[in-house]
Amino acid sequence: MSTQWQNIKPSDILTSEESHRLRQRSDMMGAWLLAHCWGVIAASVALYALLPNLVTFIVCAILVGSRQLGLAIIMHEGSHGMLFRTRWMNERLTSWFAAWPMILRMQNYRIRHMAHHRFTRTDADPENFLYIPFPVSKESMIRKVVRDLLGIVFLRTQVGIFRFIWGEREGRMARLRAFYTGPVIFYAVFITGFALAGRLDLFLLCWLIPLMTTQQLFLRVRNIAEHSTMPDLTHPLKNSRTTLVSAWERMTFAPYFVNYHIEHHMLPFVPCWRLREVHDIMLERGFGDVMEIRHGYWDVLKLNAAA
């Protein structure tokens, strides 16, 4: 049982009727989330291709980076089995169009992430390394942001993942094939498409650079917001954070309802597009006074850069 449910259970939040209704998944919504994400990416690349200048490049880098984070969030949804109602669609389409573009394997991510849910912010949480360095000094936060925007953190991450997969000699090739075959197939097709169009420059400028820079920054801020510098690591409504965001923050740091993070941890069987309703229900039932809620990511960053 999740450590999050030792004090507060889903049945304390939702009635049985609400739980049944809110847990329903939808193939149509899963397809829409994927189509929306890739549609924004395609439109951003097209904008720069048609009007190549510094302003459109910056707009493209911001929007593509945000939707690359969106692909990771969609993969997270699929890892919970909630992106599509039909199982084969959830497993295959999530892998093909969300995990592989981000150089990830959903099955590996799922194992670690389920442990994160079960042991949130305890010593057994495998994702603790993302949160325990904070709070940091303002100077340290600035250095982290600069390394993100220079692509340094992305490269370090990829090297770290490769070294982890490489691991012990026994089973090495099987692990490498299992993890990298999908991303290699995706990028072979993806890059070939740009090459056939005679626009490999668009792959570099409008995909690879955002992947290494803006996406990494948005990912960092989102990670910090979810579990860093929490008021009480033992309380299920205070060891995760919900961030109430503006429209521009939804476009960048918080695509696809990822900001409703307390709600997700307490009710991980609810699809992301229903978490806003869960948030409203929790406020109506008096949980709001206890929940760790912040207004905007600037507020979160100030909290985490105050040491």
Protein backbone atom coordinates (compact mmCIF):
# COMPACT_ATOMS: atom_id res chain seq x y z
CA MET A 1 0.00 0.00 0.00
CA SER A 2 1.21 3.50 -0.76
CA THR A 3 2.63 5.46 2.15
CA GLN A 4 0.33 8.25 0.95
CA TRP A 5 -2.71 6.23 2.00
CA GLN A 6 -1.70 5.43 5.58
CA ASN A 7 -3.47 8.51 6.97
CA ILE A 8 -5.82 9.55 4.15
CA LYS A 9 -7.39 7.08 1.75
CA PRO A 10 -9.08 7.71 -1.62
CA SER A 11 -12.40 6.84 0.01
CA ASP A 12 -11.87 9.78 2.39
CA ILE A 13 -11.80 12.11 -0.62
CA LEU A 14 -14.28 10.66 -3.12
CA THR A 15 -17.57 8.87 -2.81
CA SER A 16 -17.75 5.48 -4.49
CA GLU A 17 -19.82 7.00 -7.31
CA GLU A 18 -17.29 9.79 -7.86
CA SER A 19 -14.42 7.33 -7.76
CA HIS A 20 -16.07 5.14 -10.40
CA ARG A 21 -16.80 8.09 -12.68
CA LEU A 22 -13.46 9.85 -12.34
CA ARG A 23 -11.34 6.76 -12.91
CA GLN A 24 -12.82 6.12 -16.36
CA ARG A 25 -10.22 6.37 -19.13
CA SER A 26 -10.85 7.39 -22.72
CA ASP A 27 -9.19 6.36 -25.98
CA MET A 28 -10.46 9.59 -27.53
CA MET A 29 -8.87 11.78 -24.85
CA GLY A 30 -5.62 9.84 -25.05
CA ALA A 31 -5.50 10.38 -28.81
CA TRP A 32 -6.36 14.06 -28.35
CA LEU A 33 -3.53 14.63 -25.85
CA LEU A 34 -0.99 13.05 -28.20
CA ALA A 35 -2.38 14.87 -31.23
CA HIS A 36 -2.42 18.20 -29.39
CA CYS A 37 1.17 17.77 -28.23
CA TRP A 38 2.52 16.87 -31.65
CA GLY A 39 0.29 19.48 -33.29
CA VAL A 40 1.86 22.27 -31.22
CA ILE A 41 5.32 20.94 -32.09
CA ALA A 42 4.51 20.81 -35.81
CA ALA A 43 2.98 24.29 -35.79
CA SER A 44 5.99 25.72 -33.95
CA VAL A 45 8.44 24.17 -36.41
CA ALA A 46 6.32 25.40 -39.33
CA LEU A 47 6.32 28.93 -37.88
CA TYR A 48 10.10 29.06 -37.85
CA ALA A 49 10.39 27.36 -41.24
CA LEU A 50 8.10 29.93 -42.85
CA LEU A 51 9.41 32.98 -40.96
CA PRO A 52 12.99 32.22 -39.93
CA ASN A 53 14.23 34.91 -37.56
CA LEU A 54 15.40 35.22 -33.96
CA VAL A 55 11.92 35.89 -32.55
CA THR A 56 10.28 32.87 -34.22
CA PHE A 57 13.23 30.71 -33.20
CA ILE A 58 12.79 31.70 -29.54
CA VAL A 59 9.03 31.10 -29.75
CA CYS A 60 9.69 27.72 -31.36
CA ALA A 61 12.29 26.75 -28.75
CA ILE A 62 9.90 27.63 -25.91
CA LEU A 63 6.84 25.90 -27.36
CA VAL A 64 8.66 22.80 -28.60
CA GLY A 65 10.52 22.48 -25.29
CA SER A 66 7.24 22.73 -23.40
CA ARG A 67 5.64 20.04 -25.56
CA GLN A 68 8.69 17.80 -25.21
CA LEU A 69 8.03 18.04 -21.49
CA GLY A 70 4.42 17.35 -22.46
CA LEU A 71 5.50 14.10 -24.14
CA ALA A 72 7.23 13.05 -20.93
CA ILE A 73 4.06 13.85 -18.99
CA ILE A 74 1.98 11.87 -21.48
CA MET A 75 4.41 8.97 -21.05
CA HIS A 76 3.91 9.29 -17.30
CA GLU A 77 0.17 9.04 -17.87
CA GLY A 78 0.67 5.93 -19.98
CA SER A 79 2.92 4.39 -17.33
CA HIS A 80 -0.08 4.53 -14.98
CA GLY A 81 -2.18 2.81 -17.68
CA MET A 82 -4.42 5.89 -17.94
CA LEU A 83 -3.65 7.49 -21.31
CA PHE A 84 -5.85 5.08 -23.28
CA ARG A 85 -8.62 2.79 -22.17
CA THR A 86 -7.56 0.11 -24.66
CA ARG A 87 -4.48 -1.58 -23.23
CA TRP A 88 -2.55 -2.15 -26.47
CA MET A 89 -3.06 1.47 -27.45
CA ASN A 90 -1.85 2.64 -24.05
CA GLU A 91 1.29 0.52 -24.17
CA ARG A 92 2.24 0.91 -27.82
CA LEU A 93 1.15 4.42 -28.74
CA THR A 94 2.56 5.84 -25.52
CA SER A 95 5.90 4.15 -26.18
CA TRP A 96 6.06 5.03 -29.89
CA PHE A 97 4.95 8.65 -29.74
CA ALA A 98 5.81 9.81 -26.20
CA ALA A 99 8.58 7.72 -24.62
CA TRP A 100 10.82 7.01 -27.61
CA PRO A 101 11.01 10.67 -28.75
CA MET A 102 12.27 11.51 -25.26
CA ILE A 103 14.89 8.71 -25.43
CA LEU A 104 13.08 6.76 -22.73
CA ARG A 105 11.61 3.30 -22.29
CA MET A 106 8.25 3.39 -20.55
CA GLN A 107 8.68 0.01 -18.87
CA ASN A 108 11.87 1.13 -17.13
CA TYR A 109 10.28 4.41 -16.10
CA ARG A 110 7.19 2.62 -14.79
CA ILE A 111 9.15 0.46 -12.35
CA ARG A 112 10.90 3.45 -10.77
CA HIS A 113 7.85 5.67 -10.80
CA MET A 114 5.56 3.16 -9.11
CA ALA A 115 8.13 2.90 -6.31
CA HIS A 116 8.08 6.70 -6.08
CA HIS A 117 4.31 6.59 -5.55
CA ARG A 118 4.53 3.84 -2.98
CA PHE A 119 7.31 5.45 -0.94
CA THR A 120 6.83 9.17 -1.62
CA ARG A 121 9.59 11.26 0.01
CA THR A 122 10.68 8.43 2.30
CA ASP A 123 14.20 7.01 2.26
CA ALA A 124 12.92 4.31 -0.12
CA ASP A 125 11.74 6.82 -2.73
CA PRO A 126 13.97 6.24 -5.82
CA GLU A 127 13.31 9.80 -7.02
CA ASN A 128 14.50 11.49 -3.84
CA PHE A 129 17.71 12.58 -5.57
CA LEU A 130 15.64 15.09 -7.58
CA TYR A 131 14.39 16.86 -4.46
CA ILE A 132 16.85 16.57 -1.58
CA PRO A 133 19.34 19.22 -2.84
CA PHE A 134 16.77 21.95 -2.26
CA PRO A 135 16.55 24.63 -1.04
CA VAL A 136 19.71 26.08 -2.53
CA SER A 137 21.19 29.55 -2.71
CA LYS A 138 20.08 31.97 -5.39
CA GLU A 139 23.52 31.69 -6.98
CA SER A 140 23.27 27.91 -7.09
CA MET A 141 19.81 28.08 -8.68
CA ILE A 142 21.11 30.46 -11.34
CA ARG A 143 23.99 28.10 -12.10
CA LYS A 144 21.55 25.20 -12.48
CA VAL A 145 19.39 27.22 -14.87
CA VAL A 146 22.43 28.21 -16.94
CA ARG A 147 23.59 24.59 -17.16
CA ASP A 148 20.10 23.61 -18.27
CA LEU A 149 20.02 26.23 -21.02
CA LEU A 150 23.52 25.31 -22.22
CA GLY A 151 22.55 21.65 -22.66
CA ILE A 152 25.05 20.48 -20.05
CA VAL A 153 22.47 18.80 -17.80
CA PHE A 154 20.85 17.04 -20.74
CA LEU A 155 24.18 15.55 -21.84
CA ARG A 156 25.06 14.52 -18.29
CA THR A 157 21.67 12.87 -17.92
CA GLN A 158 22.04 10.90 -21.14
CA VAL A 159 25.52 9.73 -20.16
CA GLY A 160 24.22 8.74 -16.73
CA ILE A 161 21.34 6.74 -18.20
CA PHE A 162 23.70 4.98 -20.62
CA ARG A 163 26.13 4.09 -17.83
CA PHE A 164 23.26 2.73 -15.74
CA ILE A 165 21.97 0.58 -18.62
CA TRP A 166 25.53 -0.53 -19.43
CA GLY A 167 25.96 -1.71 -15.83
CA GLU A 168 27.24 -5.19 -15.19
CA ARG A 169 28.61 -7.20 -18.08
CA GLU A 170 26.05 -10.00 -17.74
CA GLY A 171 22.95 -9.16 -19.78
CA ARG A 172 24.46 -5.90 -21.05
CA MET A 173 23.51 -6.26 -24.70
CA ALA A 174 19.98 -7.34 -23.82
CA ARG A 175 19.54 -4.26 -21.62
CA LEU A 176 20.91 -1.96 -24.29
CA ARG A 177 18.63 -3.44 -26.96
CA ALA A 178 15.60 -3.26 -24.69
CA PHE A 179 16.19 0.39 -23.79
CA TYR A 180 17.54 1.91 -26.99
CA THR A 181 15.92 -0.03 -29.85
CA GLY A 182 12.72 2.05 -29.70
CA PRO A 183 14.41 5.46 -29.60
CA VAL A 184 16.80 4.43 -32.40
CA ILE A 185 13.86 3.40 -34.60
CA PHE A 186 11.99 6.61 -33.84
CA TYR A 187 14.95 8.88 -34.56
CA ALA A 188 15.91 6.98 -37.70
CA VAL A 189 12.44 7.64 -39.12
CA PHE A 190 12.22 11.17 -37.68
CA ILE A 191 15.57 12.35 -39.02
CA THR A 192 14.95 10.67 -42.38
CA GLY A 193 11.75 12.69 -42.70
CA PHE A 194 13.62 15.96 -42.20
CA ALA A 195 16.36 14.82 -44.58
CA LEU A 196 13.90 13.92 -47.34
CA ALA A 197 12.35 17.37 -46.94
CA GLY A 198 15.81 18.88 -47.30
CA ARG A 199 15.52 20.52 -43.86
CA LEU A 200 17.88 18.78 -41.46
CA ASP A 201 18.49 22.25 -40.05
CA LEU A 202 14.95 22.18 -38.65
CA PHE A 203 15.70 18.96 -36.78
CA LEU A 204 18.73 20.58 -35.19
CA LEU A 205 17.24 24.01 -34.48
CA CYS A 206 13.61 23.15 -33.76
CA TRP A 207 13.89 19.76 -32.07
CA LEU A 208 17.37 18.94 -30.78
CA ILE A 209 18.22 22.35 -29.33
CA PRO A 210 14.88 22.66 -27.43
CA LEU A 211 15.27 19.06 -26.22
CA MET A 212 18.66 19.93 -24.74
CA THR A 213 17.79 23.36 -23.36
CA THR A 214 14.27 24.70 -22.78
CA GLN A 215 12.79 21.27 -22.16
CA GLN A 216 15.44 20.61 -19.55
CA LEU A 217 14.69 23.90 -17.78
CA PHE A 218 10.94 23.29 -17.79
CA LEU A 219 11.54 19.76 -16.48
CA ARG A 220 13.70 21.04 -13.64
CA VAL A 221 11.16 23.63 -12.51
CA ARG A 222 8.36 21.09 -12.65
CA ASN A 223 10.39 18.58 -10.62
CA ILE A 224 11.24 21.21 -8.00
CA ALA A 225 7.59 22.22 -7.70
CA GLU A 226 6.31 18.71 -7.13
CA HIS A 227 8.30 17.58 -4.09
CA SER A 228 11.15 19.93 -3.12
CA THR A 229 11.31 21.88 0.16
CA MET A 230 8.14 20.39 1.58
CA PRO A 231 6.67 21.37 4.97
CA ASP A 232 6.10 17.80 6.22
CA LEU A 233 7.49 14.72 4.47
CA THR A 234 5.27 12.41 6.52
CA HIS A 235 1.97 14.08 5.65
CA PRO A 236 0.38 13.00 2.35
CA LEU A 237 -1.02 16.47 1.67
CA LYS A 238 2.25 18.23 2.51
CA ASN A 239 4.95 16.03 0.92
CA SER A 240 3.64 16.80 -2.58
CA ARG A 241 2.73 20.20 -3.97
CA THR A 242 -0.06 21.53 -6.17
CA THR A 243 0.82 24.71 -8.05
CA LEU A 244 -1.98 26.92 -9.31
CA VAL A 245 -0.83 28.30 -12.63
CA SER A 246 -1.58 30.98 -15.18
CA ALA A 247 -2.22 30.37 -18.87
CA TRP A 248 1.41 31.02 -19.84
CA GLU A 249 2.63 28.62 -17.15
CA ARG A 250 0.33 25.93 -18.51
CA MET A 251 1.95 26.55 -21.90
CA THR A 252 5.46 26.07 -20.53
CA PHE A 253 6.06 24.48 -17.13
CA ALA A 254 2.76 22.67 -16.57
CA PRO A 255 1.30 21.05 -19.68
CA TYR A 256 -1.51 18.52 -19.38
CA PHE A 257 -2.55 19.23 -15.78
CA VAL A 258 0.75 18.11 -14.25
CA ASN A 259 0.52 20.95 -11.71
CA TYR A 260 -2.25 19.11 -9.77
CA HIS A 261 0.28 16.90 -8.08
CA ILE A 262 -1.23 16.31 -4.65
CA GLU A 263 -4.40 15.20 -6.41
CA HIS A 264 -2.42 12.82 -8.59
CA HIS A 265 -0.60 11.25 -5.65
CA MET A 266 -3.75 10.79 -3.60
CA LEU A 267 -5.77 9.45 -6.54
CA PRO A 268 -3.25 8.00 -9.03
CA PHE A 269 -6.00 6.12 -10.84
CA VAL A 270 -7.64 9.35 -12.07
CA PRO A 271 -6.64 10.46 -15.61
CA CYS A 272 -4.77 13.76 -15.75
CA TRP A 273 -7.55 15.61 -17.55
CA ARG A 274 -9.86 15.03 -14.56
CA LEU A 275 -7.45 16.23 -11.86
CA ARG A 276 -8.81 19.78 -11.91
CA GLU A 277 -12.20 18.40 -10.87
CA VAL A 278 -10.52 16.39 -8.12
CA HIS A 279 -8.85 19.59 -6.92
CA ASP A 280 -12.22 21.34 -6.70
CA ILE A 281 -13.72 18.40 -4.80
CA MET A 282 -10.85 18.40 -2.29
CA LEU A 283 -11.30 22.12 -1.67
CA GLU A 284 -15.04 21.73 -1.21
CA ARG A 285 -14.46 18.98 1.37
CA GLY A 286 -12.09 21.01 3.49
CA PHE A 287 -8.71 19.59 2.48
CA GLY A 288 -7.51 22.91 1.07
CA ASP A 289 -6.40 24.30 4.43
CA VAL A 290 -4.00 21.37 4.84
CA MET A 291 -2.76 20.95 1.26
CA GLU A 292 0.61 22.40 0.21
CA ILE A 293 -0.60 24.77 -2.54
CA ARG A 294 1.47 27.49 -4.18
CA HIS A 295 0.41 30.17 -6.62
CA GLY A 296 2.70 30.12 -9.63
CA TYR A 297 6.16 28.75 -10.29
CA TRP A 298 7.92 31.97 -9.34
CA ASP A 299 6.60 31.47 -5.81
CA VAL A 300 7.97 27.90 -5.87
CA LEU A 301 11.36 29.02 -7.15
CA LYS A 302 11.67 31.72 -4.47
CA LEU A 303 10.94 29.09 -1.82
CA ASN A 304 13.60 26.76 -3.24
CA ALA A 305 16.26 29.42 -3.79
CA ALA A 306 16.15 30.96 -0.34
CA ALA A 307 19.05 29.20 1.36
